[in-house]
Amino acid sequence: MSRRVCIVTGTRAEYGLLRGVVEGVAEAPDLILQTVVTGTHLSPEFGMTVGEIEADGVVIDDRVEMLLSSDTAVGVGKAMGLGLIGFSDVFARLKPDVVVVLGDRFEIFAAAAAAMVAGVPLAHIHGGETTEGAFDESIRHSITKMSHLHFVAAAPYRDRVIQLGEDPDRVFLVGGLGVDAINRLTLMDRSALEADPGVRFRSRNLLITFHPVTLDDDDADAQVQALFDALDSMGPDTGLIFTLPNADTGGRALARQIEDYAAARPNAVAYPSLGQLRYLSCMAQVDAVVGNSSSALLEAPSFGIPTVNIGDRQAGRLKAASVIDCAPQRDAIEAALARAHSPEFRKQTATAANPYGEGGASEAIVRVLQEHPLRGLLKKRFRDVAVYGAFPHVGNGVRE
């Protein structure tokens, strides 16, 4: 009997990572794909990226409207409540055999909680990671505890999921999905990019994404102003390609600041969403990736280009030798940009290994979804490392 695999997606970046899994499940003869979209996919303010999913030929089985016009803490909390209501109805209707989620956003937390209450096994991708500057950290680990199958991107993350009490036989080391996306796509060249989204490349170019830092004591306005001041010091010959932040607490105010900054400068442009193909194609063409987005750590190293990682949002993640960490202050950002453009560092960056692997994660995930027994998954026993031993690296790691 075919298994109904329900994949939930709430943002442009997350769908880009999940696309290989979506395609693999759709092509598997013994799996039935169910796709549920939510979050910014359904918002014109964030590019209405549900259209990109439909353009890929994916049939959308249901939509959960949950975003409010407010991005305050109260607004986000209420959105989570709406999401829990919506996903409860969806899972009751679709009756999936397993729900697949990725990452650490509040939309995904709502989906995970609804699946838990509905008694549907949950498969979680990219667990075990840390992002100490955002409350996503707590959401990610909470989803781990609600999940029954775990697909992690690196050995230390597998260790951390096991440390959280999960059964090692259910924790699969598959690598990062961002590398899969790069390998799967035929990227656009510079001329095609300039003709399509209106990007105008200059002698130097930066791809910039800056998200709110939800647990940082520093003023967000001061942080983004420090970034703007540092970028201005680069001069008008540096092209600045911004992608706007997602629907996080304080995200709308930050997006307006970025839009205003870009509108006032002929060398800058800001997009609600470039889409995965154009985003990764731009990444392949620029001199460095700047900001505090996870993609700058998971994907940029595969292109052999530097990353300037600002502040603490991604603190705790594994980082390639191509990543330069800096404080969210003008002088520190300027120094990091100068280092990223130096011939010595660029030579080092060109050969830096990506700690998230070389690809194959999507296929490994689909294979487990096909083969792993679902019977008995819901009853979990907490695996105390003091009793069972710490971090056994045997049995199920695709890349171990």
Protein backbone atom coordinates (compact mmCIF):
# COMPACT_ATOMS: atom_id res chain seq x y z
CA MET A 1 0.00 0.00 0.00
CA SER A 2 1.36 3.43 -0.95
CA ARG A 3 2.30 5.86 1.80
CA ARG A 4 0.80 9.34 1.81
CA VAL A 5 3.70 11.75 2.42
CA CYS A 6 2.57 15.28 3.30
CA ILE A 7 5.27 17.92 2.78
CA VAL A 8 4.69 21.33 4.39
CA THR A 9 6.39 24.49 3.13
CA GLY A 10 6.06 28.07 4.37
CA THR A 11 8.84 30.16 2.79
CA ARG A 12 10.68 30.61 -0.51
CA ALA A 13 14.03 29.47 0.93
CA GLU A 14 12.61 26.38 2.59
CA TYR A 15 10.78 25.28 -0.57
CA GLY A 16 13.99 25.67 -2.54
CA LEU A 17 15.64 23.23 -0.17
CA LEU A 18 12.68 20.84 -0.21
CA ARG A 19 12.19 20.80 -3.95
CA GLY A 20 14.36 17.74 -4.54
CA VAL A 21 12.45 15.83 -1.85
CA VAL A 22 9.13 16.94 -3.35
CA GLU A 23 10.19 15.70 -6.78
CA GLY A 24 11.54 12.45 -5.39
CA VAL A 25 8.36 11.66 -3.48
CA ALA A 26 6.23 12.51 -6.54
CA GLU A 27 8.28 10.15 -8.71
CA ALA A 28 8.40 7.24 -6.22
CA PRO A 29 5.88 4.55 -7.26
CA ASP A 30 5.14 3.57 -3.66
CA LEU A 31 4.62 7.10 -2.30
CA ILE A 32 1.76 9.56 -2.74
CA LEU A 33 2.78 13.22 -2.51
CA GLN A 34 0.62 15.68 -0.57
CA THR A 35 1.77 19.31 -0.60
CA VAL A 36 0.54 21.94 1.87
CA VAL A 37 1.65 25.58 1.57
CA THR A 38 1.43 28.28 4.21
CA GLY A 39 3.19 31.39 5.48
CA THR A 40 4.78 33.84 3.07
CA HIS A 41 3.98 31.63 0.07
CA LEU A 42 0.43 32.98 0.29
CA SER A 43 1.31 36.64 0.82
CA PRO A 44 1.63 39.20 -2.03
CA GLU A 45 3.80 41.26 0.32
CA PHE A 46 6.42 38.50 0.22
CA GLY A 47 6.18 37.72 -3.48
CA MET A 48 3.21 35.28 -3.48
CA THR A 49 5.71 32.50 -4.03
CA VAL A 50 3.02 29.84 -4.18
CA GLY A 51 3.12 30.67 -7.90
CA GLU A 52 6.69 29.36 -8.11
CA ILE A 53 5.60 26.04 -6.64
CA GLU A 54 2.72 25.75 -9.11
CA ALA A 55 5.06 26.70 -11.97
CA ASP A 56 7.15 23.64 -11.05
CA GLY A 57 4.09 21.49 -11.76
CA VAL A 58 3.49 20.64 -8.11
CA VAL A 59 -0.17 20.03 -7.21
CA ILE A 60 -1.03 21.89 -4.01
CA ASP A 61 -3.38 19.83 -1.89
CA ASP A 62 -4.19 22.52 0.65
CA ARG A 63 -3.30 26.01 1.86
CA VAL A 64 -3.13 27.26 5.42
CA GLU A 65 -3.58 31.01 5.69
CA MET A 66 -1.99 32.13 8.95
CA LEU A 67 0.04 35.34 8.49
CA LEU A 68 -1.36 38.54 9.96
CA SER A 69 -0.53 42.09 8.91
CA SER A 70 1.28 42.52 12.22
CA ASP A 71 4.81 41.22 12.79
CA THR A 72 4.91 42.08 16.49
CA ALA A 73 5.42 39.33 19.05
CA VAL A 74 1.65 39.32 19.63
CA GLY A 75 0.97 39.10 15.89
CA VAL A 76 3.38 36.19 15.42
CA GLY A 77 1.90 34.38 18.42
CA LYS A 78 -1.61 34.77 17.02
CA ALA A 79 -0.40 33.57 13.61
CA MET A 80 0.91 30.42 15.24
CA GLY A 81 -2.53 29.86 16.75
CA LEU A 82 -4.20 30.26 13.38
CA GLY A 83 -1.69 27.86 11.90
CA LEU A 84 -2.43 25.22 14.52
CA ILE A 85 -6.13 25.48 13.74
CA GLY A 86 -5.56 25.35 9.99
CA PHE A 87 -3.16 22.41 10.01
CA SER A 88 -5.42 20.43 12.33
CA ASP A 89 -8.20 20.69 9.74
CA VAL A 90 -5.84 19.88 6.85
CA PHE A 91 -4.37 16.75 8.45
CA ALA A 92 -7.87 15.53 9.36
CA ARG A 93 -8.86 15.85 5.71
CA LEU A 94 -5.70 14.55 4.00
CA LYS A 95 -4.99 11.74 6.50
CA PRO A 96 -1.25 11.56 5.75
CA ASP A 97 0.85 8.60 6.84
CA VAL A 98 3.80 10.88 7.58
CA VAL A 99 4.30 14.66 7.62
CA VAL A 100 7.63 16.13 6.45
CA VAL A 101 8.84 19.52 7.71
CA LEU A 102 12.12 21.40 7.46
CA GLY A 103 13.84 23.79 9.80
CA ASP A 104 12.78 26.08 12.56
CA ARG A 105 10.22 28.70 11.64
CA PHE A 106 7.04 29.45 13.58
CA GLU A 107 4.83 28.28 10.69
CA ILE A 108 6.54 24.89 10.79
CA PHE A 109 6.18 24.72 14.57
CA ALA A 110 2.40 25.06 14.12
CA ALA A 111 2.37 22.26 11.56
CA ALA A 112 4.48 20.01 13.79
CA ALA A 113 2.26 20.59 16.82
CA ALA A 114 -0.86 19.80 14.80
CA ALA A 115 0.69 16.57 13.47
CA MET A 116 1.68 15.55 17.01
CA VAL A 117 -1.85 16.02 18.35
CA ALA A 118 -3.31 14.24 15.31
CA GLY A 119 -1.08 11.21 15.92
CA VAL A 120 0.72 11.49 12.58
CA PRO A 121 4.43 10.55 12.47
CA LEU A 122 6.63 13.56 11.80
CA ALA A 123 9.88 13.61 9.79
CA HIS A 124 12.11 16.62 10.49
CA ILE A 125 14.90 17.86 8.19
CA HIS A 126 17.87 19.99 9.31
CA GLY A 127 17.42 19.39 13.03
CA GLY A 128 20.21 19.50 15.58
CA GLU A 129 21.57 22.82 14.34
CA THR A 130 22.04 25.91 16.47
CA THR A 131 21.26 29.57 15.79
CA GLU A 132 21.90 31.27 19.09
CA GLY A 133 20.78 34.75 18.01
CA ALA A 134 17.16 33.85 17.18
CA PHE A 135 14.27 32.09 18.88
CA ASP A 136 14.34 29.71 15.92
CA GLU A 137 16.83 27.80 18.08
CA SER A 138 14.12 26.85 20.56
CA ILE A 139 11.61 26.10 17.82
CA ARG A 140 14.03 23.77 16.05
CA HIS A 141 14.78 21.71 19.15
CA SER A 142 11.09 21.62 20.06
CA ILE A 143 10.24 20.19 16.63
CA THR A 144 12.97 17.58 17.17
CA LYS A 145 11.18 16.39 20.30
CA MET A 146 7.87 16.19 18.42
CA SER A 147 9.44 14.27 15.51
CA HIS A 148 9.92 10.56 14.88
CA LEU A 149 12.39 10.53 11.97
CA HIS A 150 15.30 12.95 11.76
CA PHE A 151 17.37 13.92 8.71
CA VAL A 152 20.46 15.89 9.70
CA ALA A 153 23.11 17.72 7.69
CA ALA A 154 26.32 16.89 9.57
CA ALA A 155 27.69 14.49 12.19
CA PRO A 156 27.70 17.04 15.06
CA TYR A 157 24.02 17.69 14.39
CA ARG A 158 23.27 13.97 14.57
CA ASP A 159 25.05 13.90 17.92
CA ARG A 160 22.94 16.79 19.17
CA VAL A 161 19.64 15.17 18.16
CA ILE A 162 20.70 12.01 19.97
CA GLN A 163 21.71 14.15 22.95
CA LEU A 164 18.12 15.40 23.00
CA GLY A 165 17.05 11.84 23.72
CA GLU A 166 16.20 10.59 20.23
CA ASP A 167 16.76 7.00 19.10
CA PRO A 168 20.01 6.81 17.05
CA ASP A 169 18.35 4.38 14.64
CA ARG A 170 15.91 7.12 13.66
CA VAL A 171 18.52 9.84 13.11
CA PHE A 172 19.87 9.82 9.54
CA LEU A 173 22.96 11.72 8.46
CA VAL A 174 22.13 12.77 4.89
CA GLY A 175 23.96 16.09 4.35
CA GLY A 176 22.57 19.50 3.50
CA LEU A 177 19.72 20.03 1.05
CA GLY A 178 21.22 23.31 -0.17
CA VAL A 179 24.02 21.42 -1.89
CA ASP A 180 21.43 19.23 -3.63
CA ALA A 181 19.71 22.31 -5.02
CA ILE A 182 22.96 23.62 -6.49
CA ASN A 183 23.72 20.27 -8.11
CA ARG A 184 20.22 19.88 -9.52
CA LEU A 185 19.80 23.25 -11.22
CA THR A 186 21.22 24.61 -14.46
CA LEU A 187 22.13 28.11 -13.34
CA MET A 188 21.49 31.27 -15.35
CA ASP A 189 24.48 33.18 -16.68
CA ARG A 190 25.10 36.87 -16.08
CA SER A 191 23.42 38.08 -19.25
CA ALA A 192 20.28 36.04 -18.55
CA LEU A 193 20.11 37.41 -15.01
CA GLU A 194 20.40 40.98 -16.23
CA ALA A 195 17.61 40.39 -18.73
CA ASP A 196 15.26 38.66 -16.28
CA PRO A 197 15.12 40.22 -12.79
CA GLY A 198 16.67 43.56 -13.81
CA VAL A 199 19.95 43.04 -11.96
CA ARG A 200 22.81 45.19 -13.25
CA PHE A 201 26.17 43.71 -12.37
CA ARG A 202 29.09 46.05 -11.73
CA SER A 203 32.81 45.61 -11.29
CA ARG A 204 32.14 44.15 -7.83
CA ASN A 205 28.88 42.66 -6.60
CA LEU A 206 27.40 41.54 -3.29
CA LEU A 207 24.33 39.41 -2.53
CA ILE A 208 22.84 40.59 0.76
CA THR A 209 20.18 39.17 3.06
CA PHE A 210 19.71 40.56 6.57
CA HIS A 211 17.06 39.12 8.87
CA PRO A 212 15.85 40.37 12.26
CA VAL A 213 17.81 39.00 15.21
CA THR A 214 15.02 38.07 17.57
CA LEU A 215 17.15 37.42 20.67
CA ASP A 216 19.73 40.20 20.29
CA ASP A 217 19.83 43.00 22.84
CA ASP A 218 21.29 45.42 20.28
CA ASP A 219 18.95 47.77 18.46
CA ALA A 220 17.97 46.29 15.07
CA ASP A 221 17.89 49.73 13.48
CA ALA A 222 21.45 50.35 14.59
CA GLN A 223 22.60 47.01 13.17
CA VAL A 224 21.13 47.53 9.74
CA GLN A 225 22.35 51.13 9.66
CA ALA A 226 25.86 49.87 10.41
CA LEU A 227 25.51 47.53 7.43
CA PHE A 228 24.28 50.38 5.21
CA ASP A 229 27.18 52.61 6.25
CA ALA A 230 29.68 49.86 5.52
CA LEU A 231 28.13 49.19 2.11
CA ASP A 232 28.23 52.89 1.24
CA SER A 233 31.97 52.87 1.91
CA MET A 234 32.36 50.35 -0.93
CA GLY A 235 31.45 53.03 -3.48
CA PRO A 236 29.05 53.10 -6.45
CA ASP A 237 31.07 50.55 -8.46
CA THR A 238 29.84 47.78 -6.13
CA GLY A 239 26.48 46.33 -7.11
CA LEU A 240 24.23 45.53 -4.14
CA ILE A 241 21.56 42.85 -4.62
CA PHE A 242 19.24 42.60 -1.59
CA THR A 243 16.68 39.90 -0.87
CA LEU A 244 14.18 41.03 1.74
CA PRO A 245 13.70 39.28 5.09
CA ASN A 246 10.99 36.74 5.76
CA ALA A 247 7.97 37.25 8.02
CA ASP A 248 9.83 37.32 11.33
CA THR A 249 9.16 39.52 14.33
CA GLY A 250 10.14 43.03 13.22
CA GLY A 251 10.70 41.91 9.64
CA ARG A 252 8.39 44.40 7.95
CA ALA A 253 10.13 47.46 9.42
CA LEU A 254 13.49 46.03 8.40
CA ALA A 255 12.22 45.35 4.88
CA ARG A 256 11.07 48.96 4.55
CA GLN A 257 14.50 50.21 5.61
CA ILE A 258 16.18 48.03 3.00
CA GLU A 259 13.75 49.08 0.29
CA ASP A 260 14.28 52.76 1.09
CA TYR A 261 18.06 52.31 1.08
CA ALA A 262 18.04 50.52 -2.29
CA ALA A 263 15.63 53.00 -3.88
CA ALA A 264 18.00 55.88 -3.07
CA ARG A 265 21.05 54.27 -4.72
CA PRO A 266 21.54 53.45 -8.40
CA ASN A 267 23.86 50.55 -7.57
CA ALA A 268 21.34 48.77 -5.29
CA VAL A 269 18.20 46.73 -5.89
CA ALA A 270 15.89 44.88 -3.47
CA TYR A 271 13.63 41.90 -4.20
CA PRO A 272 10.93 40.30 -2.03
CA SER A 273 11.95 37.01 -3.66
CA LEU A 274 14.36 36.11 -6.45
CA GLY A 275 13.19 32.50 -6.56
CA GLN A 276 15.62 29.66 -6.03
CA LEU A 277 17.03 29.55 -9.56
CA ARG A 278 17.72 33.29 -9.79
CA TYR A 279 18.96 33.46 -6.20
CA LEU A 280 21.52 30.69 -6.62
CA SER A 281 22.44 32.02 -10.06
CA CYS A 282 23.14 35.43 -8.54
CA MET A 283 25.16 33.75 -5.80
CA ALA A 284 27.35 32.14 -8.46
CA GLN A 285 28.04 35.55 -10.02
CA VAL A 286 28.77 37.78 -7.03
CA ASP A 287 32.04 38.41 -5.21
CA ALA A 288 30.64 37.66 -1.74
CA VAL A 289 27.45 36.90 0.19
CA VAL A 290 26.74 39.29 3.07
CA GLY A 291 24.29 39.32 5.99
CA ASN A 292 22.99 36.77 8.47
CA SER A 293 21.11 34.23 6.37
CA SER A 294 21.65 30.49 6.72
CA SER A 295 22.09 30.16 2.95
CA ALA A 296 25.34 32.11 3.23
CA LEU A 297 26.69 29.24 5.36
CA LEU A 298 24.95 26.24 3.78
CA GLU A 299 25.20 27.09 0.08
CA ALA A 300 27.73 29.85 -0.61
CA PRO A 301 30.76 27.66 0.24
CA SER A 302 29.85 25.35 -2.65
CA PHE A 303 30.45 28.26 -5.05
CA GLY A 304 33.90 29.00 -3.66
CA ILE A 305 32.98 32.55 -2.69
CA PRO A 306 33.39 34.36 0.64
CA THR A 307 30.63 34.90 3.18
CA VAL A 308 30.53 37.89 5.53
CA ASN A 309 28.39 36.65 8.41
CA ILE A 310 27.18 39.55 10.56
CA GLY A 311 26.23 39.23 14.22
CA ASP A 312 24.94 36.28 16.23
CA ARG A 313 21.89 35.07 14.30
CA GLN A 314 23.81 32.07 12.92
CA ALA A 315 26.04 31.58 15.97
CA GLY A 316 26.66 27.89 16.59
CA ARG A 317 26.30 26.63 13.01
CA LEU A 318 29.13 24.75 11.32
CA LYS A 319 31.05 27.13 9.07
CA ALA A 320 33.40 26.63 6.14
CA ALA A 321 36.78 28.34 5.97
CA SER A 322 35.18 30.74 3.49
CA VAL A 323 33.04 32.37 6.23
CA ILE A 324 34.16 35.59 7.94
CA ASP A 325 32.31 36.35 11.19
CA CYS A 326 32.03 39.97 12.27
CA ALA A 327 30.19 42.11 14.80
CA PRO A 328 27.17 44.17 13.60
CA GLN A 329 29.22 47.37 13.66
CA ARG A 330 30.37 49.52 10.76
CA ASP A 331 34.12 49.15 11.31
CA ALA A 332 33.87 45.40 11.77
CA ILE A 333 31.73 44.96 8.64
CA GLU A 334 34.07 47.14 6.59
CA ALA A 335 37.06 45.10 7.75
CA ALA A 336 35.29 41.85 6.91
CA LEU A 337 34.36 43.11 3.43
CA ALA A 338 37.96 44.18 2.82
CA ARG A 339 39.17 40.73 3.84
CA ALA A 340 36.58 39.04 1.63
CA HIS A 341 37.92 40.94 -1.37
CA SER A 342 41.59 40.31 -0.60
CA PRO A 343 43.43 38.00 -3.03
CA GLU A 344 44.80 35.91 -0.17
CA PHE A 345 41.40 35.15 1.31
CA ARG A 346 39.79 34.54 -2.07
CA LYS A 347 42.47 31.97 -2.84
CA GLN A 348 41.67 30.20 0.44
CA THR A 349 37.94 30.40 -0.24
CA ALA A 350 38.19 28.83 -3.69
CA THR A 351 39.25 25.49 -2.19
CA ALA A 352 37.23 25.58 1.05
CA ALA A 353 35.17 22.45 1.71
CA ASN A 354 31.46 22.78 2.39
CA PRO A 355 30.81 21.12 5.80
CA TYR A 356 27.30 20.21 4.60
CA GLY A 357 28.53 17.67 2.09
CA GLU A 358 28.52 17.25 -1.65
CA GLY A 359 24.90 16.30 -2.37
CA GLY A 360 22.58 13.29 -2.29
CA ALA A 361 20.44 14.31 0.69
CA SER A 362 17.14 14.37 -1.21
CA GLU A 363 17.53 10.83 -2.51
CA ALA A 364 18.53 9.55 0.93
CA ILE A 365 15.47 11.15 2.55
CA VAL A 366 13.09 9.73 -0.03
CA ARG A 367 14.60 6.28 0.40
CA VAL A 368 14.00 6.34 4.16
CA LEU A 369 10.45 7.59 3.64
CA GLN A 370 9.89 4.59 1.37
CA GLU A 371 11.52 1.93 3.51
CA HIS A 372 11.46 2.82 7.20
CA PRO A 373 8.67 1.09 9.16
CA LEU A 374 6.00 3.52 10.33
CA ARG A 375 4.32 1.11 12.71
CA GLY A 376 5.27 1.89 16.30
CA LEU A 377 6.92 5.25 15.51
CA LEU A 378 4.57 7.31 17.65
CA LYS A 379 5.64 5.78 20.96
CA LYS A 380 9.10 7.16 21.68
CA ARG A 381 11.41 6.19 24.51
CA PHE A 382 13.77 8.89 25.73
CA ARG A 383 17.32 7.65 25.08
CA ASP A 384 19.36 8.81 28.04
CA VAL A 385 23.00 9.01 26.93
CA ALA A 386 24.07 8.09 30.47
CA VAL A 387 22.38 4.73 29.94
CA TYR A 388 22.75 4.07 26.23
CA GLY A 389 26.12 5.72 25.63
CA ALA A 390 26.91 8.90 23.81
CA PHE A 391 26.54 9.35 20.08
CA PRO A 392 26.77 5.93 18.42
CA HIS A 393 27.82 6.45 14.79
CA VAL A 394 26.55 3.21 13.33
CA GLY A 395 23.75 1.76 11.32
CA ASN A 396 21.94 4.50 9.44
CA GLY A 397 24.25 7.31 8.38
CA VAL A 398 24.33 7.80 4.63
CA ARG A 399 27.55 9.79 4.92
CA GLU A 400 29.06 8.25 8.07
